[in-house]
């Protein structure tokens, strides 16, 4: 297969850590990566130092050609991309592509998506799977088409979600599962035996979606059932994190555990022993706050928080 791997000219597009595992597995298996497209460097941190994307850092370390267009329709970028003469483009955790980009290579453009399509199309599939209390997730490789996340499916792989798993933990698992699935997919394309399945043939009646998450999505409603609140905390940890107010101050909750039962206080109220626990009431139990961040403070476990906070 390695000689065939060398023949297929691949352009890879991605930005965050999630994409690095996929790029790495292609490089390590001898595929010919003729270019890497990633986000422009951005100022970040207190000193506003220019930060390179995780994908750029990896690509530079491997001596790969890197392009960082501000706009994907820029004629100069389109000319640079065409000059790479890619047979196939691979997209993992990148932005939406215009048709002139995704339609350029003869083998098309494939995407790795962190859900079992057609469910959880959209920007935040990992978060929404946990928020909705799913017990399985997975990854899908598919061909890009006009509508987002609707192209023909190539391969998919299931992953179980643990009852206490956070979005961060599932992200790391799917990152590696997705890389392995991408390798299988690209090997099949290189060998000329990839099978495509239109999503319409497997579309469920009630397709679940994964829209972008906003601050209001993250606010806890203490009138909701305990399980739903617990799933929201898991599904938003570590980023952007579920939040509520405690004595008029905003507090993010990164880790929590639940205790079903009939609380002795009203939903949304809290009690504490001032030393080891803070718990907040839902209609059908308590949510114990295990790791928190009060506005203006650092993230810390509850005992450390209680040492420095007076109710």
Protein backbone atom coordinates (compact mmCIF):
# COMPACT_ATOMS: atom_id res chain seq x y z
CA UNK A 1 0.00 0.00 0.00
CA UNK A 2 2.89 2.38 0.75
CA UNK A 3 3.76 2.94 -2.93
CA UNK A 4 0.10 3.74 -3.63
CA UNK A 5 0.14 6.08 -0.60
CA UNK A 6 3.02 7.98 -2.20
CA UNK A 7 1.10 8.43 -5.47
CA UNK A 8 -1.99 10.08 -3.91
CA UNK A 9 -1.32 13.82 -3.53
CA UNK A 10 -3.16 15.05 -0.41
CA UNK A 11 -3.86 18.54 0.91
CA UNK A 12 -4.77 18.53 4.62
CA UNK A 13 -6.92 21.26 6.23
CA UNK A 14 -7.27 21.63 10.00
CA UNK A 15 -6.47 23.87 12.96
CA UNK A 16 -6.76 22.52 16.56
CA UNK A 17 -5.24 19.56 18.43
CA UNK A 18 -8.14 17.34 17.31
CA UNK A 19 -6.84 17.57 13.73
CA UNK A 20 -3.18 16.85 14.56
CA UNK A 21 -3.79 13.15 15.28
CA UNK A 22 -5.35 12.74 11.82
CA UNK A 23 -2.52 14.55 10.03
CA UNK A 24 0.06 12.57 11.99
CA UNK A 25 -1.42 9.17 11.12
CA UNK A 26 -1.32 10.03 7.38
CA UNK A 27 2.29 11.24 7.60
CA UNK A 28 3.38 8.19 9.63
CA UNK A 29 1.76 5.85 7.08
CA UNK A 30 3.70 7.33 4.18
CA UNK A 31 1.02 9.43 2.50
CA UNK A 32 2.21 12.30 0.33
CA UNK A 33 0.96 15.47 2.07
CA UNK A 34 1.68 18.17 -0.52
CA UNK A 35 0.23 21.03 1.55
CA UNK A 36 -1.36 21.90 4.89
CA UNK A 37 -3.98 24.65 5.16
CA UNK A 38 -4.56 26.09 8.64
CA UNK A 39 -5.76 29.25 10.39
CA UNK A 40 -3.61 32.41 10.39
CA UNK A 41 -1.48 33.04 13.50
CA UNK A 42 -3.41 34.99 16.14
CA UNK A 43 -2.37 37.12 19.13
CA UNK A 44 -3.22 35.38 22.41
CA UNK A 45 -2.47 35.53 26.12
CA UNK A 46 -1.63 38.54 28.26
CA UNK A 47 1.29 39.62 26.11
CA UNK A 48 -0.74 39.11 22.93
CA UNK A 49 2.09 37.02 21.48
CA UNK A 50 1.37 35.57 18.04
CA UNK A 51 0.24 31.95 18.47
CA UNK A 52 0.48 29.29 15.78
CA UNK A 53 -2.26 26.67 15.45
CA UNK A 54 -1.54 23.13 16.70
CA UNK A 55 -1.69 21.90 13.09
CA UNK A 56 0.83 24.51 11.91
CA UNK A 57 3.29 23.60 14.69
CA UNK A 58 3.08 19.92 13.71
CA UNK A 59 3.31 20.62 9.95
CA UNK A 60 6.38 22.83 10.37
CA UNK A 61 8.05 20.15 12.54
CA UNK A 62 7.60 17.70 9.64
CA UNK A 63 8.79 20.14 6.96
CA UNK A 64 5.38 20.30 5.24
CA UNK A 65 4.24 23.22 3.06
CA UNK A 66 1.85 25.45 5.07
CA UNK A 67 -0.70 27.96 3.74
CA UNK A 68 -2.64 30.27 6.12
CA UNK A 69 -5.26 32.17 4.10
CA UNK A 70 -7.35 34.87 5.78
CA UNK A 71 -10.08 34.29 3.18
CA UNK A 72 -10.65 31.01 1.37
CA UNK A 73 -12.01 32.74 -1.76
CA UNK A 74 -8.92 34.92 -2.15
CA UNK A 75 -7.73 34.47 -5.79
CA UNK A 76 -4.09 34.28 -4.64
CA UNK A 77 -4.90 31.42 -2.25
CA UNK A 78 -7.01 29.60 -4.87
CA UNK A 79 -4.05 29.79 -7.28
CA UNK A 80 -1.65 28.48 -4.59
CA UNK A 81 -4.04 25.63 -3.77
CA UNK A 82 -4.48 24.69 -7.44
CA UNK A 83 -0.69 24.67 -7.88
CA UNK A 84 -0.44 21.88 -5.27
CA UNK A 85 -2.32 19.60 -7.72
CA UNK A 86 -4.00 17.59 -4.97
CA UNK A 87 -5.83 14.36 -5.85
CA UNK A 88 -7.67 14.49 -2.52
CA UNK A 89 -8.32 17.04 0.24
CA UNK A 90 -8.83 16.01 3.86
CA UNK A 91 -10.61 18.36 6.30
CA UNK A 92 -10.57 17.85 10.09
CA UNK A 93 -11.85 20.58 12.45
CA UNK A 94 -11.52 23.44 9.98
CA UNK A 95 -13.90 26.16 8.79
CA UNK A 96 -16.58 25.91 6.11
CA UNK A 97 -15.13 25.63 2.61
CA UNK A 98 -16.46 27.40 -0.50
CA UNK A 99 -17.36 25.09 -3.39
CA UNK A 100 -14.42 26.30 -5.48
CA UNK A 101 -12.17 24.82 -2.76
CA UNK A 102 -13.91 21.56 -1.85
CA UNK A 103 -14.71 20.71 -5.45
CA UNK A 104 -11.15 21.23 -6.72
CA UNK A 105 -9.44 17.79 -6.46
CA UNK A 106 -10.52 14.87 -8.70
CA UNK A 107 -11.13 12.60 -5.67
CA UNK A 108 -13.06 15.37 -3.89
CA UNK A 109 -12.75 16.49 -0.27
CA UNK A 110 -13.40 14.25 2.73
CA UNK A 111 -14.19 15.31 6.27
CA UNK A 112 -13.83 13.61 9.67
CA UNK A 113 -16.85 14.49 11.83
CA UNK A 114 -17.11 13.65 15.54
CA UNK A 115 -20.55 12.01 15.48
CA UNK A 116 -22.44 9.15 13.86
CA UNK A 117 -23.98 11.02 10.94
CA UNK A 118 -26.70 11.93 10.10
CA UNK A 119 -27.11 12.68 13.82
CA UNK A 120 -25.32 15.65 15.37
CA UNK A 121 -24.51 17.62 12.26
CA UNK A 122 -23.08 20.97 13.24
CA UNK A 123 -20.37 22.74 15.20
CA UNK A 124 -20.52 21.00 18.59
CA UNK A 125 -21.32 17.28 18.17
CA UNK A 126 -19.26 16.07 21.14
CA UNK A 127 -20.89 18.53 23.56
CA UNK A 128 -24.45 17.88 22.44
CA UNK A 129 -24.14 14.08 22.54
CA UNK A 130 -23.29 14.28 26.26
CA UNK A 131 -25.72 17.12 27.04
CA UNK A 132 -28.50 14.96 25.55
CA UNK A 133 -27.48 11.96 27.66
CA UNK A 134 -26.40 9.72 24.77
CA UNK A 135 -24.68 6.44 25.63
CA UNK A 136 -22.93 6.09 22.26
CA UNK A 137 -21.12 8.47 19.94
CA UNK A 138 -18.56 7.94 17.21
CA UNK A 139 -16.86 9.37 14.15
CA UNK A 140 -17.82 9.47 10.48
CA UNK A 141 -15.81 10.11 7.32
CA UNK A 142 -17.81 11.58 4.45
CA UNK A 143 -17.53 13.49 1.16
CA UNK A 144 -18.17 17.23 1.37
CA UNK A 145 -21.25 18.61 -0.40
CA UNK A 146 -23.14 21.93 -0.38
CA UNK A 147 -25.09 21.55 2.88
CA UNK A 148 -22.95 21.22 6.00
CA UNK A 149 -22.30 17.63 7.19
CA UNK A 150 -24.72 16.10 4.65
CA UNK A 151 -22.35 14.41 2.18
CA UNK A 152 -22.17 10.71 1.34
CA UNK A 153 -20.78 8.60 4.19
CA UNK A 154 -17.61 6.62 3.61
CA UNK A 155 -16.97 4.93 6.99
CA UNK A 156 -18.09 5.26 10.62
CA UNK A 157 -17.01 3.86 13.97
CA UNK A 158 -18.95 3.73 17.25
CA UNK A 159 -17.64 4.69 20.70
CA UNK A 160 -19.42 4.12 24.03
CA UNK A 161 -19.97 7.12 26.31
CA UNK A 162 -19.42 6.44 30.02
CA UNK A 163 -22.03 7.70 32.46
CA UNK A 164 -19.53 10.12 34.04
CA UNK A 165 -17.59 11.02 30.88
CA UNK A 166 -16.96 14.69 30.09
CA UNK A 167 -16.83 16.35 26.68
CA UNK A 168 -13.07 16.76 27.09
CA UNK A 169 -12.57 13.04 27.70
CA UNK A 170 -14.81 12.05 24.78
CA UNK A 171 -12.98 14.59 22.57
CA UNK A 172 -9.65 12.85 23.23
CA UNK A 173 -11.10 9.42 22.56
CA UNK A 174 -12.78 10.49 19.30
CA UNK A 175 -9.62 12.31 18.20
CA UNK A 176 -7.73 8.99 18.05
CA UNK A 177 -10.71 6.95 16.79
CA UNK A 178 -11.20 9.55 14.04
CA UNK A 179 -7.54 9.39 13.01
CA UNK A 180 -7.68 5.59 12.65
CA UNK A 181 -10.93 5.83 10.68
CA UNK A 182 -9.43 8.49 8.40
CA UNK A 183 -6.46 6.23 7.68
CA UNK A 184 -8.79 3.38 6.64
CA UNK A 185 -10.81 5.78 4.49
CA UNK A 186 -7.83 7.25 2.66
CA UNK A 187 -6.33 3.78 2.15
CA UNK A 188 -9.63 2.69 0.54
CA UNK A 189 -9.64 5.77 -1.74
CA UNK A 190 -5.99 5.12 -2.70
CA UNK A 191 -6.86 1.50 -3.53
CA UNK A 192 -9.91 2.59 -5.54
CA UNK A 193 -12.45 0.63 -3.48
CA UNK A 194 -14.10 3.28 -1.26
CA UNK A 195 -17.87 2.84 -0.90
CA UNK A 196 -20.16 5.87 -0.57
CA UNK A 197 -23.53 5.75 1.20
CA UNK A 198 -25.93 8.71 0.79
CA UNK A 199 -27.11 9.98 4.18
CA UNK A 200 -30.70 10.06 2.90
CA UNK A 201 -30.69 6.24 2.86
CA UNK A 202 -29.95 6.07 6.62
CA UNK A 203 -31.50 9.34 7.82
CA UNK A 204 -33.42 8.91 11.06
CA UNK A 205 -36.85 10.51 11.39
CA UNK A 206 -35.77 12.71 14.29
CA UNK A 207 -32.26 13.81 13.41
CA UNK A 208 -30.51 15.42 16.37
CA UNK A 209 -28.46 18.54 15.68
CA UNK A 210 -25.31 20.05 17.20
CA UNK A 211 -25.51 23.84 16.82
CA UNK A 212 -22.87 26.26 18.05
CA UNK A 213 -22.92 26.76 21.83
CA UNK A 214 -23.50 30.23 23.28
CA UNK A 215 -23.22 31.58 26.83
CA UNK A 216 -26.98 31.23 27.42
CA UNK A 217 -26.77 27.53 26.45
CA UNK A 218 -24.35 27.07 29.36
CA UNK A 219 -26.50 28.59 32.13
CA UNK A 220 -27.96 25.96 34.46
CA UNK A 221 -31.74 25.96 34.92
CA UNK A 222 -32.27 24.52 38.41
CA UNK A 223 -35.90 23.69 37.64
CA UNK A 224 -34.68 20.96 35.25
CA UNK A 225 -34.31 17.34 36.42
CA UNK A 226 -31.02 16.48 38.20
CA UNK A 227 -29.85 14.13 35.42
CA UNK A 228 -30.33 16.84 32.80
CA UNK A 229 -28.30 19.34 34.85
CA UNK A 230 -25.55 16.76 35.46
CA UNK A 231 -25.36 16.00 31.71
CA UNK A 232 -25.11 19.71 30.93
CA UNK A 233 -22.11 20.04 33.28
CA UNK A 234 -20.40 16.98 31.72
CA UNK A 235 -21.19 18.10 28.18
CA UNK A 236 -19.65 21.56 28.66
CA UNK A 237 -16.54 20.49 30.60
CA UNK A 238 -13.82 21.69 30.29
CA UNK A 239 -14.97 24.26 27.74
CA UNK A 240 -16.92 26.50 27.72
CA UNK A 241 -18.23 25.16 31.11
CA UNK A 242 -21.71 25.25 32.63
CA UNK A 243 -22.34 28.17 34.96
CA UNK A 244 -24.74 29.46 37.58
CA UNK A 245 -24.79 32.20 40.19
CA UNK A 246 -23.78 31.79 43.82
CA UNK A 247 -24.65 34.70 46.13
CA UNK A 248 -24.82 37.03 43.13
CA UNK A 249 -21.52 35.92 41.60
CA UNK A 250 -21.08 33.85 38.45
CA UNK A 251 -19.48 30.45 39.03
CA UNK A 252 -18.40 27.87 36.44
CA UNK A 253 -18.77 24.18 37.28
CA UNK A 254 -16.22 21.81 35.72
CA UNK A 255 -16.85 18.67 37.75
CA UNK A 256 -19.81 17.57 39.83
CA UNK A 257 -21.55 14.48 41.15
CA UNK A 258 -25.21 13.90 41.86
CA UNK A 259 -27.28 12.62 44.76
CA UNK A 260 -30.87 11.78 43.82
CA UNK A 261 -33.59 12.27 46.42
CA UNK A 262 -35.90 14.94 47.79
CA UNK A 263 -33.84 17.99 48.77
CA UNK A 264 -34.66 19.99 51.90
CA UNK A 265 -34.12 23.29 50.05
CA UNK A 266 -35.71 24.82 46.95
CA UNK A 267 -34.31 24.25 43.44
CA UNK A 268 -31.38 26.62 42.80
CA UNK A 269 -30.60 27.13 46.49
CA UNK A 270 -27.41 25.77 48.05
CA UNK A 271 -26.07 24.49 51.31
CA UNK A 272 -22.53 23.82 52.51
CA UNK A 273 -20.59 22.65 55.55
CA UNK A 274 -18.07 25.45 54.75
CA UNK A 275 -15.26 22.86 54.61
CA UNK A 276 -15.81 19.91 52.27
CA UNK A 277 -18.90 20.39 50.11
CA UNK A 278 -21.19 22.83 48.34
CA UNK A 279 -24.35 21.34 46.89
CA UNK A 280 -27.16 22.91 44.92
CA UNK A 281 -30.69 21.63 44.74
CA UNK A 282 -32.61 20.41 41.69
CA UNK A 283 -36.25 19.32 42.04
CA UNK A 284 -35.18 15.65 42.45
CA UNK A 285 -31.80 15.77 44.18
CA UNK A 286 -28.54 17.59 44.85
CA UNK A 287 -25.68 18.45 42.53
CA UNK A 288 -22.39 18.48 44.47
CA UNK A 289 -19.89 20.96 43.01
CA UNK A 290 -16.49 19.22 42.86
CA UNK A 291 -14.41 21.63 40.75
CA UNK A 292 -15.37 25.26 40.21
CA UNK A 293 -14.19 28.70 39.14
CA UNK A 294 -15.66 31.80 40.73
CA UNK A 295 -15.62 34.90 38.52
CA UNK A 296 -12.18 36.57 38.74
CA UNK A 297 -10.60 33.52 40.40
CA UNK A 298 -8.73 30.40 39.26
CA UNK A 299 -10.27 26.99 38.68
CA UNK A 300 -10.00 24.88 41.86
CA UNK A 301 -11.49 21.94 43.71
CA UNK A 302 -14.28 22.66 46.18
CA UNK A 303 -12.21 22.28 49.36
CA UNK A 304 -9.69 24.85 48.09
CA UNK A 305 -12.58 27.11 47.04
CA UNK A 306 -14.16 26.87 50.51
CA UNK A 307 -10.87 27.74 52.24
CA UNK A 308 -10.84 31.10 50.47
CA UNK A 309 -14.56 31.93 50.29
CA UNK A 310 -16.81 33.20 53.06
CA UNK A 311 -20.57 32.79 52.67
